[in-house]
């Protein structure tokens, strides 16, 4: 039996969702729809990488694009293609990289959660739900 995504990749999901919450704090007008749009574009990117195809970034709404720009480095860091810096500008060593295919599974898991909370609680249902997990 394959372990559940949220068990095996909890740290990856938390890294991505933490960045989503940070962007929501910076951009309170962000909607769940914008989150879905940014996640869908990231899924397209990592699906292309996984299949060794060329990825072409499609035009996103302004809010979704700002979120995409915040999430992409986190995803790149988790697949081992980039490094992050701490507050003093020092490189933060990343955890064991995951594959692009695993990243797609994580992004899909979050996107599914966005859909669920939007249906249950409205246009910012997911954002208002998830922000409580990040101080």
N, C-alpha and C. Protein backbone atom coordinates (compact mmCIF):
# COMPACT_ATOMS: atom_id res chain seq x y z
N UNK A 1 0.83 -1.18 0.00
CA UNK A 1 0.00 0.00 0.00
C UNK A 1 0.88 1.25 0.00
N UNK A 2 0.57 2.19 -0.87
CA UNK A 2 1.35 3.43 -0.97
C UNK A 2 0.96 4.37 0.16
N UNK A 3 1.97 4.93 0.86
CA UNK A 3 1.63 5.86 1.95
C UNK A 3 0.89 7.09 1.42
N UNK A 4 0.11 7.67 2.26
CA UNK A 4 -0.65 8.85 1.86
C UNK A 4 0.29 10.03 1.67
N UNK A 5 -0.02 10.87 0.70
CA UNK A 5 0.80 12.04 0.39
C UNK A 5 1.01 12.89 1.63
N UNK A 6 -0.07 13.14 2.40
CA UNK A 6 0.08 14.03 3.55
C UNK A 6 0.89 13.41 4.68
N UNK A 7 1.10 12.11 4.67
CA UNK A 7 1.97 11.49 5.66
C UNK A 7 3.43 11.54 5.20
N UNK A 8 3.68 11.09 3.99
CA UNK A 8 5.05 10.97 3.49
C UNK A 8 5.67 12.32 3.16
N UNK A 9 4.86 13.27 2.71
CA UNK A 9 5.39 14.56 2.25
C UNK A 9 4.87 15.74 3.07
N UNK A 10 4.59 15.49 4.35
CA UNK A 10 4.03 16.55 5.20
C UNK A 10 4.91 17.80 5.19
N UNK A 11 6.23 17.62 5.25
CA UNK A 11 7.14 18.77 5.28
C UNK A 11 7.07 19.58 3.99
N UNK A 12 6.92 18.91 2.86
CA UNK A 12 6.80 19.59 1.57
C UNK A 12 5.50 20.39 1.53
N UNK A 13 4.41 19.74 1.93
CA UNK A 13 3.10 20.41 1.96
C UNK A 13 3.16 21.63 2.87
N UNK A 14 3.81 21.49 4.02
CA UNK A 14 3.92 22.61 4.95
C UNK A 14 4.76 23.75 4.36
N UNK A 15 5.84 23.41 3.67
CA UNK A 15 6.66 24.45 3.04
C UNK A 15 5.84 25.25 2.04
N UNK A 16 5.08 24.57 1.21
CA UNK A 16 4.27 25.23 0.18
C UNK A 16 3.14 26.03 0.83
N UNK A 17 2.43 25.42 1.76
CA UNK A 17 1.30 26.11 2.39
C UNK A 17 1.76 27.29 3.24
N UNK A 18 2.92 27.20 3.83
CA UNK A 18 3.47 28.32 4.59
C UNK A 18 3.70 29.52 3.66
N UNK A 19 4.22 29.25 2.46
CA UNK A 19 4.44 30.32 1.48
C UNK A 19 3.11 30.90 1.00
N UNK A 20 2.09 30.05 0.85
CA UNK A 20 0.75 30.53 0.46
C UNK A 20 0.22 31.46 1.54
N UNK A 21 0.32 31.05 2.80
CA UNK A 21 -0.18 31.86 3.91
C UNK A 21 0.57 33.19 4.00
N UNK A 22 1.88 33.16 3.80
CA UNK A 22 2.67 34.40 3.83
C UNK A 22 2.20 35.36 2.75
N UNK A 23 1.94 34.83 1.58
CA UNK A 23 1.46 35.69 0.48
C UNK A 23 0.06 36.22 0.79
N UNK A 24 -0.77 35.41 1.44
CA UNK A 24 -2.11 35.86 1.84
C UNK A 24 -2.00 37.00 2.84
N UNK A 25 -1.05 36.91 3.74
CA UNK A 25 -0.85 38.00 4.72
C UNK A 25 -0.37 39.27 4.02
N UNK A 26 0.46 39.11 2.99
CA UNK A 26 0.96 40.27 2.23
C UNK A 26 -0.07 40.81 1.26
N UNK A 27 -1.00 39.95 0.86
CA UNK A 27 -1.97 40.27 -0.18
C UNK A 27 -3.35 39.79 0.28
N UNK A 28 -4.00 40.50 1.23
CA UNK A 28 -5.25 40.01 1.84
C UNK A 28 -6.41 39.84 0.86
N UNK A 29 -6.29 40.43 -0.32
CA UNK A 29 -7.35 40.28 -1.33
C UNK A 29 -7.21 38.97 -2.12
N UNK A 30 -6.18 38.20 -1.83
CA UNK A 30 -5.98 36.91 -2.49
C UNK A 30 -7.21 36.02 -2.28
N UNK A 31 -7.59 35.32 -3.33
CA UNK A 31 -8.74 34.41 -3.26
C UNK A 31 -8.28 32.98 -3.47
N UNK A 32 -9.10 32.04 -3.02
CA UNK A 32 -8.81 30.63 -3.26
C UNK A 32 -8.62 30.37 -4.75
N UNK A 33 -9.40 31.06 -5.58
CA UNK A 33 -9.29 30.89 -7.03
C UNK A 33 -7.87 31.22 -7.51
N UNK A 34 -7.28 32.27 -6.95
CA UNK A 34 -5.91 32.66 -7.32
C UNK A 34 -4.92 31.56 -6.91
N UNK A 35 -5.16 30.98 -5.75
CA UNK A 35 -4.31 29.89 -5.27
C UNK A 35 -4.41 28.70 -6.23
N UNK A 36 -5.64 28.37 -6.60
CA UNK A 36 -5.84 27.25 -7.55
C UNK A 36 -5.14 27.52 -8.88
N UNK A 37 -5.25 28.75 -9.35
CA UNK A 37 -4.64 29.12 -10.63
C UNK A 37 -3.11 28.98 -10.56
N UNK A 38 -2.51 29.47 -9.49
CA UNK A 38 -1.05 29.36 -9.32
C UNK A 38 -0.63 27.90 -9.18
N UNK A 39 -1.38 27.14 -8.39
CA UNK A 39 -1.06 25.72 -8.22
C UNK A 39 -1.17 24.96 -9.54
N UNK A 40 -2.19 25.26 -10.31
CA UNK A 40 -2.38 24.59 -11.61
C UNK A 40 -1.18 24.86 -12.53
N UNK A 41 -0.69 26.09 -12.50
CA UNK A 41 0.48 26.42 -13.33
C UNK A 41 1.73 25.70 -12.85
N UNK A 42 1.90 25.60 -11.54
CA UNK A 42 3.03 24.85 -11.00
C UNK A 42 2.92 23.36 -11.34
N UNK A 43 1.71 22.84 -11.29
CA UNK A 43 1.49 21.44 -11.68
C UNK A 43 1.90 21.25 -13.14
N UNK A 44 1.51 22.18 -14.00
CA UNK A 44 1.90 22.10 -15.42
C UNK A 44 3.42 22.11 -15.58
N UNK A 45 4.07 22.98 -14.82
CA UNK A 45 5.53 23.07 -14.90
C UNK A 45 6.19 21.76 -14.50
N UNK A 46 5.82 21.23 -13.34
CA UNK A 46 6.50 20.02 -12.85
C UNK A 46 6.06 18.76 -13.58
N UNK A 47 4.88 18.79 -14.16
CA UNK A 47 4.46 17.69 -15.04
C UNK A 47 5.35 17.66 -16.28
N UNK A 48 5.61 18.85 -16.84
CA UNK A 48 6.48 18.95 -18.03
C UNK A 48 7.90 18.49 -17.69
N UNK A 49 8.41 18.94 -16.55
CA UNK A 49 9.76 18.53 -16.14
C UNK A 49 9.83 17.02 -15.96
N UNK A 50 8.81 16.46 -15.33
CA UNK A 50 8.75 15.03 -15.09
C UNK A 50 8.74 14.24 -16.40
N UNK A 51 8.08 14.80 -17.40
CA UNK A 51 7.97 14.12 -18.70
C UNK A 51 9.09 14.54 -19.66
N UNK A 52 10.05 15.34 -19.15
CA UNK A 52 11.16 15.82 -19.97
C UNK A 52 10.68 16.61 -21.19
N UNK A 53 9.62 17.41 -20.97
CA UNK A 53 9.08 18.27 -22.03
C UNK A 53 9.41 19.72 -21.71
N UNK A 54 9.32 20.55 -22.72
CA UNK A 54 9.53 21.99 -22.52
C UNK A 54 8.31 22.57 -21.82
N UNK A 55 8.58 23.42 -20.86
CA UNK A 55 7.51 24.09 -20.13
C UNK A 55 7.42 25.53 -20.60
N UNK A 56 6.21 25.97 -20.89
CA UNK A 56 5.96 27.36 -21.25
C UNK A 56 4.99 27.94 -20.22
N UNK A 57 5.46 29.00 -19.56
CA UNK A 57 4.64 29.64 -18.53
C UNK A 57 3.48 30.37 -19.19
N UNK A 58 2.27 30.07 -18.74
CA UNK A 58 1.11 30.75 -19.32
C UNK A 58 0.76 31.98 -18.49
N UNK A 59 0.06 32.88 -19.10
CA UNK A 59 -0.31 34.13 -18.44
C UNK A 59 -1.32 33.85 -17.32
N UNK A 60 -1.04 34.42 -16.15
CA UNK A 60 -1.91 34.25 -14.99
C UNK A 60 -2.47 35.61 -14.60
N UNK A 61 -3.52 35.58 -13.79
CA UNK A 61 -4.04 36.83 -13.24
C UNK A 61 -2.94 37.45 -12.36
N UNK A 62 -3.05 38.72 -12.08
CA UNK A 62 -2.00 39.41 -11.33
C UNK A 62 -1.76 38.79 -9.96
N UNK A 63 -2.82 38.51 -9.22
CA UNK A 63 -2.66 37.91 -7.88
C UNK A 63 -2.08 36.50 -7.97
N UNK A 64 -2.55 35.72 -8.92
CA UNK A 64 -2.04 34.35 -9.08
C UNK A 64 -0.57 34.37 -9.49
N UNK A 65 -0.20 35.32 -10.33
CA UNK A 65 1.20 35.42 -10.77
C UNK A 65 2.11 35.77 -9.59
N UNK A 66 1.67 36.70 -8.74
CA UNK A 66 2.47 37.06 -7.56
C UNK A 66 2.65 35.83 -6.66
N UNK A 67 1.60 35.05 -6.50
CA UNK A 67 1.69 33.84 -5.68
C UNK A 67 2.62 32.82 -6.34
N UNK A 68 2.48 32.63 -7.64
CA UNK A 68 3.34 31.70 -8.38
C UNK A 68 4.81 32.06 -8.15
N UNK A 69 5.14 33.35 -8.24
CA UNK A 69 6.51 33.83 -8.07
C UNK A 69 7.03 33.52 -6.66
N UNK A 70 6.15 33.51 -5.67
CA UNK A 70 6.54 33.16 -4.30
C UNK A 70 6.67 31.65 -4.10
N UNK A 71 5.83 30.88 -4.77
CA UNK A 71 5.82 29.43 -4.57
C UNK A 71 6.91 28.71 -5.37
N UNK A 72 7.21 29.21 -6.55
CA UNK A 72 8.16 28.52 -7.43
C UNK A 72 9.52 28.27 -6.76
N UNK A 73 10.13 29.26 -6.07
CA UNK A 73 11.43 28.98 -5.43
C UNK A 73 11.34 27.91 -4.34
N UNK A 74 10.22 27.85 -3.65
CA UNK A 74 10.03 26.82 -2.62
C UNK A 74 10.00 25.45 -3.29
N UNK A 75 9.26 25.35 -4.37
CA UNK A 75 9.18 24.07 -5.10
C UNK A 75 10.55 23.69 -5.68
N UNK A 76 11.24 24.66 -6.25
CA UNK A 76 12.57 24.41 -6.81
C UNK A 76 13.55 23.94 -5.73
N UNK A 77 13.45 24.55 -4.55
CA UNK A 77 14.29 24.17 -3.42
C UNK A 77 14.02 22.73 -3.02
N UNK A 78 12.73 22.35 -2.99
CA UNK A 78 12.37 21.00 -2.56
C UNK A 78 12.76 19.93 -3.58
N UNK A 79 12.85 20.30 -4.87
CA UNK A 79 13.29 19.29 -5.84
C UNK A 79 14.81 19.36 -6.07
N UNK A 80 15.47 20.24 -5.33
CA UNK A 80 16.93 20.30 -5.37
C UNK A 80 17.51 21.16 -6.47
N UNK A 81 16.70 22.03 -7.09
CA UNK A 81 17.18 22.88 -8.19
C UNK A 81 17.55 24.28 -7.75
N UNK A 82 17.39 24.60 -6.47
CA UNK A 82 17.66 25.96 -6.00
C UNK A 82 17.98 25.91 -4.52
N UNK A 83 18.48 27.02 -4.02
CA UNK A 83 18.70 27.11 -2.58
C UNK A 83 17.96 28.34 -2.07
N UNK A 84 17.64 28.32 -0.82
CA UNK A 84 17.02 29.46 -0.16
C UNK A 84 18.05 30.10 0.75
N UNK A 85 17.82 31.36 1.09
CA UNK A 85 18.73 32.06 1.99
C UNK A 85 18.02 32.39 3.29
N UNK A 86 18.80 32.39 4.38
CA UNK A 86 18.23 32.81 5.66
C UNK A 86 18.23 34.34 5.73
N UNK A 87 17.81 34.88 6.85
CA UNK A 87 17.68 36.34 6.97
C UNK A 87 19.03 37.06 6.87
N UNK A 88 20.13 36.33 7.03
CA UNK A 88 21.47 36.93 6.92
C UNK A 88 22.09 36.69 5.54
N UNK A 89 21.29 36.14 4.63
CA UNK A 89 21.77 35.90 3.27
C UNK A 89 22.61 34.65 3.10
N UNK A 90 22.61 33.79 4.10
CA UNK A 90 23.36 32.53 4.00
C UNK A 90 22.48 31.45 3.38
N UNK A 91 23.11 30.60 2.59
CA UNK A 91 22.39 29.51 1.94
C UNK A 91 21.85 28.53 2.97
N UNK A 92 20.57 28.16 2.80
CA UNK A 92 19.94 27.17 3.67
C UNK A 92 20.01 25.82 2.94
N UNK A 93 20.68 24.87 3.57
CA UNK A 93 20.77 23.54 2.96
C UNK A 93 19.38 22.92 2.93
N UNK A 94 19.02 22.44 1.78
CA UNK A 94 17.71 21.84 1.61
C UNK A 94 17.66 20.41 2.10
N UNK A 95 16.46 19.93 2.33
CA UNK A 95 16.29 18.52 2.70
C UNK A 95 16.54 17.64 1.48
N UNK A 96 16.44 16.35 1.68
CA UNK A 96 16.59 15.41 0.57
C UNK A 96 15.62 15.80 -0.55
N UNK A 97 16.14 16.01 -1.77
CA UNK A 97 15.23 16.44 -2.86
C UNK A 97 14.18 15.38 -3.20
N UNK A 98 13.04 15.86 -3.63
CA UNK A 98 12.00 14.98 -4.15
C UNK A 98 12.00 15.11 -5.67
N UNK A 99 11.31 14.22 -6.34
CA UNK A 99 11.25 14.27 -7.80
C UNK A 99 10.17 15.26 -8.26
N UNK A 100 10.24 15.65 -9.52
CA UNK A 100 9.20 16.52 -10.09
C UNK A 100 7.84 15.83 -10.02
N UNK A 101 7.83 14.52 -10.21
CA UNK A 101 6.59 13.75 -10.13
C UNK A 101 5.99 13.80 -8.72
N UNK A 102 6.85 13.70 -7.72
CA UNK A 102 6.39 13.80 -6.33
C UNK A 102 5.88 15.22 -6.04
N UNK A 103 6.54 16.22 -6.63
CA UNK A 103 6.08 17.60 -6.45
C UNK A 103 4.69 17.77 -7.04
N UNK A 104 4.44 17.19 -8.19
CA UNK A 104 3.10 17.25 -8.80
C UNK A 104 2.07 16.66 -7.85
N UNK A 105 2.38 15.52 -7.25
CA UNK A 105 1.44 14.88 -6.31
C UNK A 105 1.17 15.80 -5.11
N UNK A 106 2.19 16.47 -4.60
CA UNK A 106 2.01 17.38 -3.46
C UNK A 106 1.15 18.58 -3.86
N UNK A 107 1.43 19.16 -5.00
CA UNK A 107 0.67 20.32 -5.47
C UNK A 107 -0.79 19.94 -5.72
N UNK A 108 -1.02 18.75 -6.28
CA UNK A 108 -2.39 18.28 -6.49
C UNK A 108 -3.13 18.10 -5.17
N UNK A 109 -2.43 17.60 -4.16
CA UNK A 109 -3.02 17.40 -2.84
C UNK A 109 -3.49 18.74 -2.27
N UNK A 110 -2.66 19.76 -2.38
CA UNK A 110 -3.03 21.09 -1.88
C UNK A 110 -4.18 21.65 -2.70
N UNK A 111 -4.13 21.48 -4.01
CA UNK A 111 -5.20 21.99 -4.88
C UNK A 111 -6.54 21.34 -4.52
N UNK A 112 -6.51 20.06 -4.20
CA UNK A 112 -7.73 19.36 -3.79
C UNK A 112 -8.28 19.97 -2.50
N UNK A 113 -7.38 20.29 -1.57
CA UNK A 113 -7.78 20.91 -0.31
C UNK A 113 -8.38 22.30 -0.56
N UNK A 114 -7.79 23.05 -1.49
CA UNK A 114 -8.33 24.37 -1.83
C UNK A 114 -9.77 24.22 -2.30
N UNK A 115 -10.02 23.28 -3.21
CA UNK A 115 -11.37 23.06 -3.72
C UNK A 115 -12.36 22.70 -2.62
N UNK A 116 -11.94 21.83 -1.73
CA UNK A 116 -12.81 21.39 -0.62
C UNK A 116 -13.21 22.58 0.25
N UNK A 117 -12.23 23.36 0.70
CA UNK A 117 -12.51 24.46 1.61
C UNK A 117 -13.24 25.62 0.93
N UNK A 118 -13.01 25.79 -0.36
CA UNK A 118 -13.74 26.83 -1.10
C UNK A 118 -15.22 26.46 -1.15
N UNK A 119 -15.50 25.19 -1.46
CA UNK A 119 -16.90 24.72 -1.50
C UNK A 119 -17.57 24.88 -0.14
N UNK A 120 -16.84 24.55 0.94
CA UNK A 120 -17.42 24.59 2.28
C UNK A 120 -17.54 25.98 2.86
N UNK A 121 -16.56 26.85 2.57
CA UNK A 121 -16.49 28.14 3.28
C UNK A 121 -16.36 29.38 2.41
N UNK A 122 -16.49 29.23 1.09
CA UNK A 122 -16.50 30.41 0.25
C UNK A 122 -15.16 30.80 -0.37
N UNK A 123 -15.12 32.00 -0.93
CA UNK A 123 -14.03 32.46 -1.79
C UNK A 123 -12.66 32.50 -1.14
N UNK A 124 -12.60 32.59 0.17
CA UNK A 124 -11.33 32.54 0.89
C UNK A 124 -11.36 31.44 1.95
N UNK A 125 -12.19 30.45 1.73
CA UNK A 125 -12.35 29.36 2.69
C UNK A 125 -11.07 28.62 2.98
N UNK A 126 -10.35 28.26 1.93
CA UNK A 126 -9.08 27.55 2.11
C UNK A 126 -8.07 28.45 2.82
N UNK A 127 -7.92 29.67 2.34
CA UNK A 127 -6.94 30.59 2.92
C UNK A 127 -7.20 30.84 4.40
N UNK A 128 -8.46 31.04 4.75
CA UNK A 128 -8.79 31.28 6.15
C UNK A 128 -8.64 30.03 7.01
N UNK A 129 -8.83 28.86 6.40
CA UNK A 129 -8.62 27.59 7.11
C UNK A 129 -7.13 27.37 7.38
N UNK A 130 -6.32 27.46 6.33
CA UNK A 130 -4.92 27.07 6.43
C UNK A 130 -4.08 28.08 7.22
N UNK A 131 -4.48 29.33 7.25
CA UNK A 131 -3.66 30.34 7.95
C UNK A 131 -3.54 30.06 9.44
N UNK A 132 -4.51 29.34 10.02
CA UNK A 132 -4.47 29.04 11.45
C UNK A 132 -3.37 28.06 11.83
N UNK A 133 -2.80 27.38 10.83
CA UNK A 133 -1.75 26.40 11.10
C UNK A 133 -0.36 27.04 11.09
N UNK A 134 -0.30 28.32 10.72
CA UNK A 134 1.00 28.99 10.58
C UNK A 134 1.00 30.29 11.36
N UNK A 135 1.08 30.15 12.70
CA UNK A 135 1.17 31.25 13.64
C UNK A 135 0.75 32.53 13.15
